[in-house]
Amino acid sequence: MRTQNDIRVTVRVDRDLKECADSLFERLGMNMTTALNVFLRKAVEENAIPFPVSAKPAGFGAGYAVDEITRTFAETVAGEIAYNRTQGFPIARYDASIGRAYLENADGTREYVGNGR
């Protein structure tokens, strides 16, 4: 709800970052405005940025777009599956219809693992 004290703030961000953030905030039941207000209130409350900020190099994914990381991951998994098939190794799979993981053997048989749901 807007009040007389509300002001508009404009921020420039990378398109992929904004889309990922929007998706996350939607899953959390809020929009970008609410999320930024949460961040600002927490920063003021703690009199600091409310998470560690470091000059250390970023981990995996820094400088890469989400779709690039996803594509590379999918290609790597596909390559591993193809290699395992040529070697006759079982392939780990997940049956979403029953919520259980299984190993698919070279002969096509399945060995389910765990107790399911």
N, C-alpha and C. Protein backbone atom coordinates (compact mmCIF):
# COMPACT_ATOMS: atom_id res chain seq x y z
N MET A 1 0.84 -1.17 0.00
CA MET A 1 0.00 0.00 0.00
C MET A 1 0.89 1.23 0.00
N ARG A 2 0.64 2.15 -0.92
CA ARG A 2 1.43 3.37 -1.03
C ARG A 2 1.00 4.37 0.02
N THR A 3 1.97 5.09 0.53
CA THR A 3 1.71 6.18 1.46
C THR A 3 2.30 7.46 0.89
N GLN A 4 2.04 8.57 1.55
CA GLN A 4 2.58 9.85 1.09
C GLN A 4 4.10 9.87 1.15
N ASN A 5 4.69 9.06 1.99
CA ASN A 5 6.15 9.04 2.14
C ASN A 5 6.85 8.15 1.13
N ASP A 6 6.09 7.39 0.34
CA ASP A 6 6.70 6.52 -0.67
C ASP A 6 7.32 7.35 -1.78
N ILE A 7 8.50 6.92 -2.22
CA ILE A 7 9.14 7.54 -3.38
C ILE A 7 9.52 6.44 -4.36
N ARG A 8 9.70 6.81 -5.61
CA ARG A 8 10.09 5.86 -6.65
C ARG A 8 11.62 5.83 -6.73
N VAL A 9 12.19 4.62 -6.77
CA VAL A 9 13.62 4.43 -6.94
C VAL A 9 13.82 3.60 -8.20
N THR A 10 14.70 4.04 -9.08
CA THR A 10 14.97 3.32 -10.31
C THR A 10 16.35 2.67 -10.20
N VAL A 11 16.42 1.38 -10.53
CA VAL A 11 17.66 0.62 -10.43
C VAL A 11 17.88 -0.11 -11.75
N ARG A 12 19.10 -0.09 -12.24
CA ARG A 12 19.44 -0.85 -13.45
C ARG A 12 20.08 -2.17 -13.03
N VAL A 13 19.56 -3.27 -13.61
CA VAL A 13 20.12 -4.60 -13.34
C VAL A 13 20.15 -5.39 -14.63
N ASP A 14 20.98 -6.40 -14.66
CA ASP A 14 21.06 -7.32 -15.80
C ASP A 14 19.71 -8.01 -15.98
N ARG A 15 19.28 -8.15 -17.23
CA ARG A 15 17.97 -8.75 -17.53
C ARG A 15 17.82 -10.16 -16.94
N ASP A 16 18.85 -11.01 -17.12
CA ASP A 16 18.78 -12.38 -16.59
C ASP A 16 18.66 -12.38 -15.07
N LEU A 17 19.42 -11.49 -14.42
CA LEU A 17 19.36 -11.39 -12.96
C LEU A 17 17.96 -11.00 -12.51
N LYS A 18 17.37 -10.01 -13.17
CA LYS A 18 16.02 -9.57 -12.80
C LYS A 18 15.01 -10.69 -12.97
N GLU A 19 15.09 -11.41 -14.10
CA GLU A 19 14.14 -12.49 -14.35
C GLU A 19 14.28 -13.60 -13.30
N CYS A 20 15.52 -13.95 -12.96
CA CYS A 20 15.74 -14.98 -11.92
C CYS A 20 15.24 -14.49 -10.57
N ALA A 21 15.50 -13.23 -10.26
CA ALA A 21 15.05 -12.66 -8.99
C ALA A 21 13.52 -12.62 -8.93
N ASP A 22 12.88 -12.18 -10.02
CA ASP A 22 11.42 -12.17 -10.06
C ASP A 22 10.85 -13.56 -9.80
N SER A 23 11.45 -14.57 -10.42
CA SER A 23 10.99 -15.94 -10.24
C SER A 23 11.14 -16.38 -8.78
N LEU A 24 12.30 -16.09 -8.19
CA LEU A 24 12.53 -16.44 -6.79
C LEU A 24 11.52 -15.74 -5.89
N PHE A 25 11.37 -14.44 -6.06
CA PHE A 25 10.47 -13.68 -5.18
C PHE A 25 9.04 -14.13 -5.33
N GLU A 26 8.64 -14.50 -6.55
CA GLU A 26 7.28 -15.02 -6.76
C GLU A 26 7.08 -16.30 -5.94
N ARG A 27 8.10 -17.18 -5.97
CA ARG A 27 8.00 -18.42 -5.19
C ARG A 27 7.93 -18.12 -3.69
N LEU A 28 8.52 -17.00 -3.28
CA LEU A 28 8.50 -16.61 -1.87
C LEU A 28 7.25 -15.79 -1.52
N GLY A 29 6.40 -15.55 -2.53
CA GLY A 29 5.15 -14.84 -2.28
C GLY A 29 5.30 -13.33 -2.22
N MET A 30 6.29 -12.79 -2.91
CA MET A 30 6.46 -11.34 -2.91
C MET A 30 6.91 -10.87 -4.28
N ASN A 31 6.90 -9.56 -4.46
CA ASN A 31 7.38 -8.99 -5.71
C ASN A 31 8.73 -8.30 -5.46
N MET A 32 9.29 -7.73 -6.51
CA MET A 32 10.60 -7.08 -6.41
C MET A 32 10.58 -5.93 -5.40
N THR A 33 9.53 -5.13 -5.40
CA THR A 33 9.44 -4.00 -4.48
C THR A 33 9.47 -4.48 -3.03
N THR A 34 8.69 -5.50 -2.73
CA THR A 34 8.67 -6.03 -1.36
C THR A 34 10.04 -6.59 -0.98
N ALA A 35 10.66 -7.34 -1.91
CA ALA A 35 11.97 -7.93 -1.62
C ALA A 35 13.01 -6.85 -1.36
N LEU A 36 13.01 -5.79 -2.17
CA LEU A 36 13.97 -4.71 -1.95
C LEU A 36 13.70 -3.98 -0.63
N ASN A 37 12.43 -3.82 -0.28
CA ASN A 37 12.12 -3.21 1.01
C ASN A 37 12.59 -4.08 2.17
N VAL A 38 12.44 -5.41 2.03
CA VAL A 38 12.93 -6.33 3.06
C VAL A 38 14.44 -6.15 3.22
N PHE A 39 15.16 -6.14 2.08
CA PHE A 39 16.60 -5.96 2.12
C PHE A 39 16.97 -4.64 2.79
N LEU A 40 16.35 -3.54 2.38
CA LEU A 40 16.69 -2.22 2.93
C LEU A 40 16.39 -2.14 4.42
N ARG A 41 15.25 -2.68 4.83
CA ARG A 41 14.91 -2.64 6.27
C ARG A 41 15.92 -3.45 7.09
N LYS A 42 16.30 -4.62 6.58
CA LYS A 42 17.28 -5.46 7.29
C LYS A 42 18.63 -4.77 7.34
N ALA A 43 19.05 -4.12 6.27
CA ALA A 43 20.33 -3.40 6.25
C ALA A 43 20.32 -2.28 7.28
N VAL A 44 19.22 -1.52 7.34
CA VAL A 44 19.12 -0.42 8.31
C VAL A 44 19.11 -0.98 9.73
N GLU A 45 18.35 -2.06 9.95
CA GLU A 45 18.28 -2.68 11.28
C GLU A 45 19.65 -3.14 11.76
N GLU A 46 20.44 -3.74 10.86
CA GLU A 46 21.76 -4.26 11.24
C GLU A 46 22.87 -3.23 11.08
N ASN A 47 22.52 -2.09 10.49
CA ASN A 47 23.52 -1.05 10.22
C ASN A 47 24.67 -1.60 9.39
N ALA A 48 24.33 -2.49 8.44
CA ALA A 48 25.31 -3.15 7.59
C ALA A 48 24.58 -3.85 6.46
N ILE A 49 25.33 -4.25 5.45
CA ILE A 49 24.74 -5.12 4.43
C ILE A 49 24.48 -6.45 5.12
N PRO A 50 23.26 -6.99 5.04
CA PRO A 50 22.89 -8.16 5.85
C PRO A 50 23.39 -9.51 5.35
N PHE A 51 24.51 -9.53 4.70
CA PHE A 51 25.16 -10.77 4.28
C PHE A 51 26.62 -10.44 4.03
N PRO A 52 27.50 -11.44 4.06
CA PRO A 52 28.93 -11.16 3.85
C PRO A 52 29.20 -10.61 2.45
N VAL A 53 30.03 -9.60 2.39
CA VAL A 53 30.49 -9.05 1.12
C VAL A 53 32.00 -9.19 1.13
N SER A 54 32.54 -9.78 0.07
CA SER A 54 33.95 -10.10 0.06
C SER A 54 34.58 -9.76 -1.29
N ALA A 55 35.87 -9.50 -1.28
CA ALA A 55 36.61 -9.26 -2.52
C ALA A 55 37.16 -10.56 -3.08
N LYS A 56 36.87 -11.69 -2.41
CA LYS A 56 37.33 -12.99 -2.91
C LYS A 56 36.67 -13.27 -4.24
N PRO A 57 37.36 -14.00 -5.13
CA PRO A 57 36.74 -14.35 -6.41
C PRO A 57 35.46 -15.14 -6.21
N ALA A 58 34.49 -14.86 -7.05
CA ALA A 58 33.22 -15.57 -6.96
C ALA A 58 33.40 -17.02 -7.37
N GLY A 59 32.50 -17.87 -6.90
CA GLY A 59 32.57 -19.29 -7.22
C GLY A 59 32.04 -19.58 -8.60
N PHE A 60 31.73 -20.83 -8.86
CA PHE A 60 31.23 -21.27 -10.16
C PHE A 60 30.01 -20.45 -10.54
N GLY A 61 29.95 -20.07 -11.77
CA GLY A 61 28.79 -19.35 -12.27
C GLY A 61 28.99 -17.87 -12.40
N ALA A 62 30.03 -17.32 -11.77
CA ALA A 62 30.24 -15.88 -11.86
C ALA A 62 30.54 -15.50 -13.31
N GLY A 63 29.84 -14.52 -13.81
CA GLY A 63 30.07 -14.06 -15.17
C GLY A 63 29.34 -14.86 -16.23
N TYR A 64 28.55 -15.85 -15.84
CA TYR A 64 27.82 -16.67 -16.79
C TYR A 64 26.33 -16.43 -16.63
N ALA A 65 25.61 -16.43 -17.72
CA ALA A 65 24.15 -16.31 -17.67
C ALA A 65 23.58 -17.65 -17.22
N VAL A 66 22.43 -17.59 -16.57
CA VAL A 66 21.78 -18.80 -16.05
C VAL A 66 21.53 -19.80 -17.17
N ASP A 67 21.07 -19.32 -18.34
CA ASP A 67 20.78 -20.25 -19.42
C ASP A 67 22.05 -20.90 -19.95
N GLU A 68 23.17 -20.20 -19.88
CA GLU A 68 24.44 -20.77 -20.32
C GLU A 68 24.90 -21.89 -19.36
N ILE A 69 24.74 -21.66 -18.07
CA ILE A 69 25.10 -22.67 -17.08
C ILE A 69 24.19 -23.89 -17.23
N THR A 70 22.89 -23.65 -17.41
CA THR A 70 21.93 -24.74 -17.57
C THR A 70 22.24 -25.56 -18.81
N ARG A 71 22.52 -24.89 -19.93
CA ARG A 71 22.84 -25.59 -21.18
C ARG A 71 24.11 -26.42 -21.02
N THR A 72 25.14 -25.84 -20.40
CA THR A 72 26.40 -26.56 -20.22
C THR A 72 26.20 -27.77 -19.32
N PHE A 73 25.42 -27.61 -18.26
CA PHE A 73 25.13 -28.72 -17.35
C PHE A 73 24.40 -29.84 -18.10
N ALA A 74 23.36 -29.47 -18.87
CA ALA A 74 22.59 -30.47 -19.61
C ALA A 74 23.46 -31.21 -20.61
N GLU A 75 24.35 -30.49 -21.30
CA GLU A 75 25.25 -31.13 -22.27
C GLU A 75 26.21 -32.09 -21.56
N THR A 76 26.71 -31.70 -20.39
CA THR A 76 27.62 -32.54 -19.64
C THR A 76 26.93 -33.82 -19.18
N VAL A 77 25.71 -33.67 -18.65
CA VAL A 77 24.95 -34.84 -18.20
C VAL A 77 24.67 -35.77 -19.38
N ALA A 78 24.26 -35.21 -20.52
CA ALA A 78 23.98 -36.03 -21.70
C ALA A 78 25.23 -36.79 -22.13
N GLY A 79 26.38 -36.13 -22.07
CA GLY A 79 27.64 -36.78 -22.42
C GLY A 79 27.98 -37.92 -21.49
N GLU A 80 27.76 -37.71 -20.19
CA GLU A 80 28.01 -38.77 -19.20
C GLU A 80 27.07 -39.96 -19.41
N ILE A 81 25.81 -39.67 -19.70
CA ILE A 81 24.85 -40.75 -19.95
C ILE A 81 25.27 -41.55 -21.17
N ALA A 82 25.65 -40.86 -22.24
CA ALA A 82 26.09 -41.55 -23.46
C ALA A 82 27.32 -42.41 -23.19
N TYR A 83 28.27 -41.88 -22.43
CA TYR A 83 29.47 -42.65 -22.09
C TYR A 83 29.10 -43.88 -21.27
N ASN A 84 28.27 -43.70 -20.26
CA ASN A 84 27.87 -44.83 -19.40
C ASN A 84 27.16 -45.91 -20.21
N ARG A 85 26.35 -45.49 -21.17
CA ARG A 85 25.66 -46.48 -22.03
C ARG A 85 26.68 -47.30 -22.82
N THR A 86 27.68 -46.63 -23.41
CA THR A 86 28.67 -47.36 -24.22
C THR A 86 29.49 -48.32 -23.36
N GLN A 87 29.63 -48.01 -22.07
CA GLN A 87 30.41 -48.85 -21.17
C GLN A 87 29.55 -49.91 -20.48
N GLY A 88 28.23 -49.84 -20.68
CA GLY A 88 27.34 -50.80 -20.03
C GLY A 88 27.08 -50.48 -18.56
N PHE A 89 27.40 -49.25 -18.14
CA PHE A 89 27.18 -48.85 -16.75
C PHE A 89 25.72 -48.45 -16.54
N PRO A 90 25.20 -48.65 -15.33
CA PRO A 90 23.83 -48.21 -15.06
C PRO A 90 23.75 -46.67 -15.07
N ILE A 91 22.57 -46.17 -15.36
CA ILE A 91 22.35 -44.73 -15.43
C ILE A 91 21.33 -44.35 -14.37
N ALA A 92 21.66 -43.35 -13.57
CA ALA A 92 20.74 -42.87 -12.53
C ALA A 92 19.62 -42.08 -13.18
N ARG A 93 18.38 -42.38 -12.81
CA ARG A 93 17.20 -41.72 -13.35
C ARG A 93 16.25 -41.41 -12.21
N TYR A 94 15.21 -40.64 -12.53
CA TYR A 94 14.18 -40.32 -11.54
C TYR A 94 12.83 -40.47 -12.20
N ASP A 95 11.95 -41.23 -11.56
CA ASP A 95 10.60 -41.44 -12.06
C ASP A 95 9.68 -40.49 -11.30
N ALA A 96 9.37 -39.36 -11.93
CA ALA A 96 8.56 -38.33 -11.27
C ALA A 96 7.14 -38.80 -10.98
N SER A 97 6.64 -39.75 -11.78
CA SER A 97 5.26 -40.20 -11.58
C SER A 97 5.07 -40.91 -10.24
N ILE A 98 6.14 -41.53 -9.74
CA ILE A 98 6.04 -42.20 -8.44
C ILE A 98 7.00 -41.60 -7.41
N GLY A 99 7.78 -40.62 -7.83
CA GLY A 99 8.67 -39.92 -6.90
C GLY A 99 9.82 -40.76 -6.39
N ARG A 100 10.40 -41.60 -7.26
CA ARG A 100 11.50 -42.46 -6.82
C ARG A 100 12.63 -42.45 -7.83
N ALA A 101 13.83 -42.55 -7.31
CA ALA A 101 15.02 -42.67 -8.15
C ALA A 101 15.25 -44.13 -8.46
N TYR A 102 15.91 -44.37 -9.60
CA TYR A 102 16.23 -45.74 -9.97
C TYR A 102 17.49 -45.77 -10.83
N LEU A 103 18.07 -46.94 -10.92
CA LEU A 103 19.19 -47.17 -11.83
C LEU A 103 18.65 -47.93 -13.02
N GLU A 104 18.95 -47.43 -14.21
CA GLU A 104 18.56 -48.10 -15.44
C GLU A 104 19.76 -48.88 -15.94
N ASN A 105 19.63 -50.20 -15.94
CA ASN A 105 20.73 -51.05 -16.38
C ASN A 105 20.82 -51.10 -17.90
N ALA A 106 21.94 -51.56 -18.38
CA ALA A 106 22.18 -51.64 -19.83
C ALA A 106 21.11 -52.46 -20.54
N ASP A 107 20.54 -53.46 -19.85
CA ASP A 107 19.51 -54.30 -20.47
C ASP A 107 18.10 -53.69 -20.37
N GLY A 108 18.02 -52.47 -19.82
CA GLY A 108 16.73 -51.78 -19.73
C GLY A 108 15.98 -52.01 -18.44
N THR A 109 16.46 -52.92 -17.59
CA THR A 109 15.78 -53.17 -16.32
C THR A 109 16.05 -52.00 -15.36
N ARG A 110 15.14 -51.85 -14.42
CA ARG A 110 15.25 -50.77 -13.43
C ARG A 110 15.41 -51.34 -12.05
N GLU A 111 16.27 -50.67 -11.28
CA GLU A 111 16.45 -50.99 -9.86
C GLU A 111 16.11 -49.73 -9.08
N TYR A 112 14.94 -49.73 -8.44
CA TYR A 112 14.51 -48.55 -7.69
C TYR A 112 15.26 -48.47 -6.36
N VAL A 113 15.51 -47.26 -5.92
CA VAL A 113 16.23 -47.04 -4.66
C VAL A 113 15.35 -46.24 -3.72
N GLY A 114 15.60 -46.37 -2.44
CA GLY A 114 14.85 -45.60 -1.44
C GLY A 114 13.44 -46.14 -1.24
N ASN A 115 12.73 -45.46 -0.35
CA ASN A 115 11.38 -45.88 0.01
C ASN A 115 10.30 -45.10 -0.72
N GLY A 116 10.67 -44.22 -1.61
CA GLY A 116 9.66 -43.41 -2.28
C GLY A 116 9.19 -42.31 -1.38
N ARG A 117 7.95 -41.91 -1.57
CA ARG A 117 7.42 -40.76 -0.81
C ARG A 117 7.19 -41.13 0.60
